[in-house]
């Protein structure tokens, strides 16, 4: 997850979540991102941010964030791919995004995984090892 703002936003160079506390926030409908941000605010002894918009599309989120002072969360790989066309920039906070989640993969004991499922299982396992 990346925390992003429009180019030229007053808090584009903020390094602490405290600087972002007075702004309205938006997300692309991923509740896990809200949990992470809420936890960052809690750790900083702040009230949770004011969540104003939950977009159902990334393109709508980019359009709104690029034209307002709202702060947005977006999957970091999408920003790194350039999906926002340079309209948004990542706010590089010192605070770590500390909320954790668990991922489980359930399989039937007496069934072999399909080729696609085996690839997915391997990707999940490799990513788990990488981020640990």
C-alpha atoms as a PDB file:
ATOM      1  CA  UNK A   1       0.000   0.000   0.000  1.00  0.00           C
ATOM      2  CA  UNK A   2       1.114   3.520  -0.789  1.00  0.00           C
ATOM      3  CA  UNK A   3      -0.187   6.740   0.682  1.00  0.00           C
ATOM      4  CA  UNK A   4      -0.456   9.242  -2.165  1.00  0.00           C
ATOM      5  CA  UNK A   5      -1.354  12.870  -2.795  1.00  0.00           C
ATOM      6  CA  UNK A   6      -1.639  15.055  -5.864  1.00  0.00           C
ATOM      7  CA  UNK A   7       1.514  16.655  -7.262  1.00  0.00           C
ATOM      8  CA  UNK A   8       2.029  19.927  -5.411  1.00  0.00           C
ATOM      9  CA  UNK A   9      -0.035  18.876  -2.389  1.00  0.00           C
ATOM     10  CA  UNK A  10       0.859  20.869   0.764  1.00  0.00           C
ATOM     11  CA  UNK A  11       1.833  17.626   2.542  1.00  0.00           C
ATOM     12  CA  UNK A  12       3.617  15.861  -0.327  1.00  0.00           C
ATOM     13  CA  UNK A  13       6.889  15.997   1.611  1.00  0.00           C
ATOM     14  CA  UNK A  14       5.369  15.069   4.993  1.00  0.00           C
ATOM     15  CA  UNK A  15       7.357  12.489   6.919  1.00  0.00           C
ATOM     16  CA  UNK A  16       4.966  11.862   9.794  1.00  0.00           C
ATOM     17  CA  UNK A  17       1.360  10.712   9.886  1.00  0.00           C
ATOM     18  CA  UNK A  18       0.737  13.608  12.300  1.00  0.00           C
ATOM     19  CA  UNK A  19       1.059  16.048   9.377  1.00  0.00           C
ATOM     20  CA  UNK A  20      -1.752  14.235   7.567  1.00  0.00           C
ATOM     21  CA  UNK A  21      -4.246  14.154  10.437  1.00  0.00           C
ATOM     22  CA  UNK A  22      -6.317  17.168   9.361  1.00  0.00           C
ATOM     23  CA  UNK A  23      -6.981  15.955   5.817  1.00  0.00           C
ATOM     24  CA  UNK A  24      -9.814  13.885   4.402  1.00  0.00           C
ATOM     25  CA  UNK A  25      -8.835  10.426   3.165  1.00  0.00           C
ATOM     26  CA  UNK A  26     -10.015   8.095   0.444  1.00  0.00           C
ATOM     27  CA  UNK A  27      -9.383   4.509  -0.551  1.00  0.00           C
ATOM     28  CA  UNK A  28     -10.144   2.200  -3.430  1.00  0.00           C
ATOM     29  CA  UNK A  29     -12.429  -0.003  -1.400  1.00  0.00           C
ATOM     30  CA  UNK A  30      -9.747  -2.175   0.156  1.00  0.00           C
ATOM     31  CA  UNK A  31     -10.616  -2.409   3.839  1.00  0.00           C
ATOM     32  CA  UNK A  32      -7.145  -3.721   4.675  1.00  0.00           C
ATOM     33  CA  UNK A  33      -5.647  -0.370   3.677  1.00  0.00           C
ATOM     34  CA  UNK A  34      -7.967   1.436   6.088  1.00  0.00           C
ATOM     35  CA  UNK A  35      -6.939  -0.926   8.877  1.00  0.00           C
ATOM     36  CA  UNK A  36      -3.259  -0.208   8.226  1.00  0.00           C
ATOM     37  CA  UNK A  37      -3.732   3.570   8.175  1.00  0.00           C
ATOM     38  CA  UNK A  38      -6.003   3.531  11.230  1.00  0.00           C
ATOM     39  CA  UNK A  39      -3.329   1.555  13.092  1.00  0.00           C
ATOM     40  CA  UNK A  40      -0.631   4.057  12.072  1.00  0.00           C
ATOM     41  CA  UNK A  41      -2.780   6.854  13.501  1.00  0.00           C
ATOM     42  CA  UNK A  42      -3.479   4.887  16.685  1.00  0.00           C
ATOM     43  CA  UNK A  43       0.237   4.238  17.256  1.00  0.00           C
ATOM     44  CA  UNK A  44       0.853   7.991  16.843  1.00  0.00           C
ATOM     45  CA  UNK A  45      -1.844   8.647  19.497  1.00  0.00           C
ATOM     46  CA  UNK A  46      -4.119  10.265  16.915  1.00  0.00           C
ATOM     47  CA  UNK A  47      -7.768   9.742  16.107  1.00  0.00           C
ATOM     48  CA  UNK A  48      -8.349   7.662  12.975  1.00  0.00           C
ATOM     49  CA  UNK A  49      -8.349   9.730   9.781  1.00  0.00           C
ATOM     50  CA  UNK A  50     -11.559  11.101   8.261  1.00  0.00           C
ATOM     51  CA  UNK A  51     -12.391   8.536   5.568  1.00  0.00           C
ATOM     52  CA  UNK A  52     -14.572  10.481   3.109  1.00  0.00           C
ATOM     53  CA  UNK A  53     -14.617   8.454  -0.100  1.00  0.00           C
ATOM     54  CA  UNK A  54     -14.434   4.779  -0.927  1.00  0.00           C
ATOM     55  CA  UNK A  55     -14.010   4.472  -4.685  1.00  0.00           C
ATOM     56  CA  UNK A  56     -14.869   1.275  -6.444  1.00  0.00           C
ATOM     57  CA  UNK A  57     -12.323   1.947  -9.160  1.00  0.00           C
ATOM     58  CA  UNK A  58      -8.675   2.925  -9.128  1.00  0.00           C
ATOM     59  CA  UNK A  59      -9.199   5.329 -12.030  1.00  0.00           C
ATOM     60  CA  UNK A  60     -11.873   7.224 -10.068  1.00  0.00           C
ATOM     61  CA  UNK A  61      -9.576   7.385  -7.051  1.00  0.00           C
ATOM     62  CA  UNK A  62      -6.759   8.810  -9.182  1.00  0.00           C
ATOM     63  CA  UNK A  63      -9.084  11.373 -10.770  1.00  0.00           C
ATOM     64  CA  UNK A  64     -10.384  12.623  -7.411  1.00  0.00           C
ATOM     65  CA  UNK A  65      -7.017  12.573  -5.638  1.00  0.00           C
ATOM     66  CA  UNK A  66      -5.341  14.444  -8.502  1.00  0.00           C
ATOM     67  CA  UNK A  67      -7.849  17.313  -8.241  1.00  0.00           C
ATOM     68  CA  UNK A  68      -8.250  17.654  -4.472  1.00  0.00           C
ATOM     69  CA  UNK A  69      -6.208  17.821  -1.287  1.00  0.00           C
ATOM     70  CA  UNK A  70      -7.532  14.446  -0.160  1.00  0.00           C
ATOM     71  CA  UNK A  71      -5.028  11.801   0.807  1.00  0.00           C
ATOM     72  CA  UNK A  72      -5.456   8.411  -0.826  1.00  0.00           C
ATOM     73  CA  UNK A  73      -4.291   4.857  -0.392  1.00  0.00           C
ATOM     74  CA  UNK A  74      -3.537   2.802  -3.457  1.00  0.00           C
ATOM     75  CA  UNK A  75      -1.707  -0.462  -4.100  1.00  0.00           C
ATOM     76  CA  UNK A  76       1.967   0.510  -4.375  1.00  0.00           C
ATOM     77  CA  UNK A  77       2.691  -1.655  -7.449  1.00  0.00           C
ATOM     78  CA  UNK A  78       0.092   0.330  -9.422  1.00  0.00           C
ATOM     79  CA  UNK A  79       1.797   3.625  -8.615  1.00  0.00           C
ATOM     80  CA  UNK A  80       5.195   2.130  -9.424  1.00  0.00           C
ATOM     81  CA  UNK A  81       3.821   1.000 -12.808  1.00  0.00           C
ATOM     82  CA  UNK A  82       2.875   4.594 -13.567  1.00  0.00           C
ATOM     83  CA  UNK A  83      -0.879   4.071 -13.633  1.00  0.00           C
ATOM     84  CA  UNK A  84      -1.418   7.595 -12.251  1.00  0.00           C
ATOM     85  CA  UNK A  85       0.537   9.159 -15.101  1.00  0.00           C
ATOM     86  CA  UNK A  86       2.588  11.308 -12.746  1.00  0.00           C
ATOM     87  CA  UNK A  87      -0.514  12.961 -11.256  1.00  0.00           C
ATOM     88  CA  UNK A  88       0.106  11.513  -7.797  1.00  0.00           C
ATOM     89  CA  UNK A  89       3.160  11.120  -5.629  1.00  0.00           C
ATOM     90  CA  UNK A  90       3.894   8.830  -2.724  1.00  0.00           C
ATOM     91  CA  UNK A  91       4.097  10.359   0.740  1.00  0.00           C
ATOM     92  CA  UNK A  92       7.123   8.714   2.300  1.00  0.00           C
ATOM     93  CA  UNK A  93       6.329   8.505   5.989  1.00  0.00           C
ATOM     94  CA  UNK A  94       8.802   7.455   8.652  1.00  0.00           C
ATOM     95  CA  UNK A  95       6.140   5.364  10.376  1.00  0.00           C
ATOM     96  CA  UNK A  96       5.995   1.766   9.330  1.00  0.00           C
ATOM     97  CA  UNK A  97       2.785   0.333   8.017  1.00  0.00           C
ATOM     98  CA  UNK A  98       2.650  -2.113  10.890  1.00  0.00           C
ATOM     99  CA  UNK A  99      -0.726  -3.802  10.658  1.00  0.00           C
ATOM    100  CA  UNK A 100      -0.256  -7.395   9.646  1.00  0.00           C
ATOM    101  CA  UNK A 101      -2.516  -9.823   7.904  1.00  0.00           C
ATOM    102  CA  UNK A 102      -2.471 -13.548   7.560  1.00  0.00           C
ATOM    103  CA  UNK A 103      -2.983 -15.485   4.365  1.00  0.00           C
ATOM    104  CA  UNK A 104      -4.030 -19.107   4.347  1.00  0.00           C
ATOM    105  CA  UNK A 105      -4.206 -21.553   1.489  1.00  0.00           C
ATOM    106  CA  UNK A 106      -6.484 -24.530   2.036  1.00  0.00           C
ATOM    107  CA  UNK A 107      -6.254 -27.630  -0.127  1.00  0.00           C
ATOM    108  CA  UNK A 108      -7.934 -30.989  -0.088  1.00  0.00           C
ATOM    109  CA  UNK A 109      -5.670 -33.653   1.313  1.00  0.00           C
ATOM    110  CA  UNK A 110      -6.616 -36.240  -1.304  1.00  0.00           C
ATOM    111  CA  UNK A 111      -6.505 -33.950  -4.368  1.00  0.00           C
ATOM    112  CA  UNK A 112      -3.591 -32.757  -6.413  1.00  0.00           C
ATOM    113  CA  UNK A 113      -3.421 -29.037  -7.257  1.00  0.00           C
ATOM    114  CA  UNK A 114      -4.003 -27.969 -10.828  1.00  0.00           C
ATOM    115  CA  UNK A 115      -1.021 -26.389 -12.572  1.00  0.00           C
ATOM    116  CA  UNK A 116      -2.435 -22.882 -12.005  1.00  0.00           C
ATOM    117  CA  UNK A 117      -3.169 -23.573  -8.332  1.00  0.00           C
ATOM    118  CA  UNK A 118       0.340 -24.980  -7.825  1.00  0.00           C
ATOM    119  CA  UNK A 119       1.835 -21.793  -9.286  1.00  0.00           C
ATOM    120  CA  UNK A 120      -0.344 -19.648  -7.016  1.00  0.00           C
ATOM    121  CA  UNK A 121       0.648 -21.707  -3.962  1.00  0.00           C
ATOM    122  CA  UNK A 122       4.326 -21.333  -4.840  1.00  0.00           C
ATOM    123  CA  UNK A 123       3.964 -17.561  -5.346  1.00  0.00           C
ATOM    124  CA  UNK A 124       2.247 -17.186  -1.970  1.00  0.00           C
ATOM    125  CA  UNK A 125       4.912 -19.259  -0.261  1.00  0.00           C
ATOM    126  CA  UNK A 126       7.771 -17.321  -1.889  1.00  0.00           C
ATOM    127  CA  UNK A 127       6.235 -13.936  -1.068  1.00  0.00           C
ATOM    128  CA  UNK A 128       5.648 -14.997   2.524  1.00  0.00           C
ATOM    129  CA  UNK A 129       9.301 -15.933   2.870  1.00  0.00           C
ATOM    130  CA  UNK A 130      10.411 -12.694   1.194  1.00  0.00           C
ATOM    131  CA  UNK A 131       8.464 -10.351   3.468  1.00  0.00           C
ATOM    132  CA  UNK A 132       9.199 -12.282   6.636  1.00  0.00           C
END
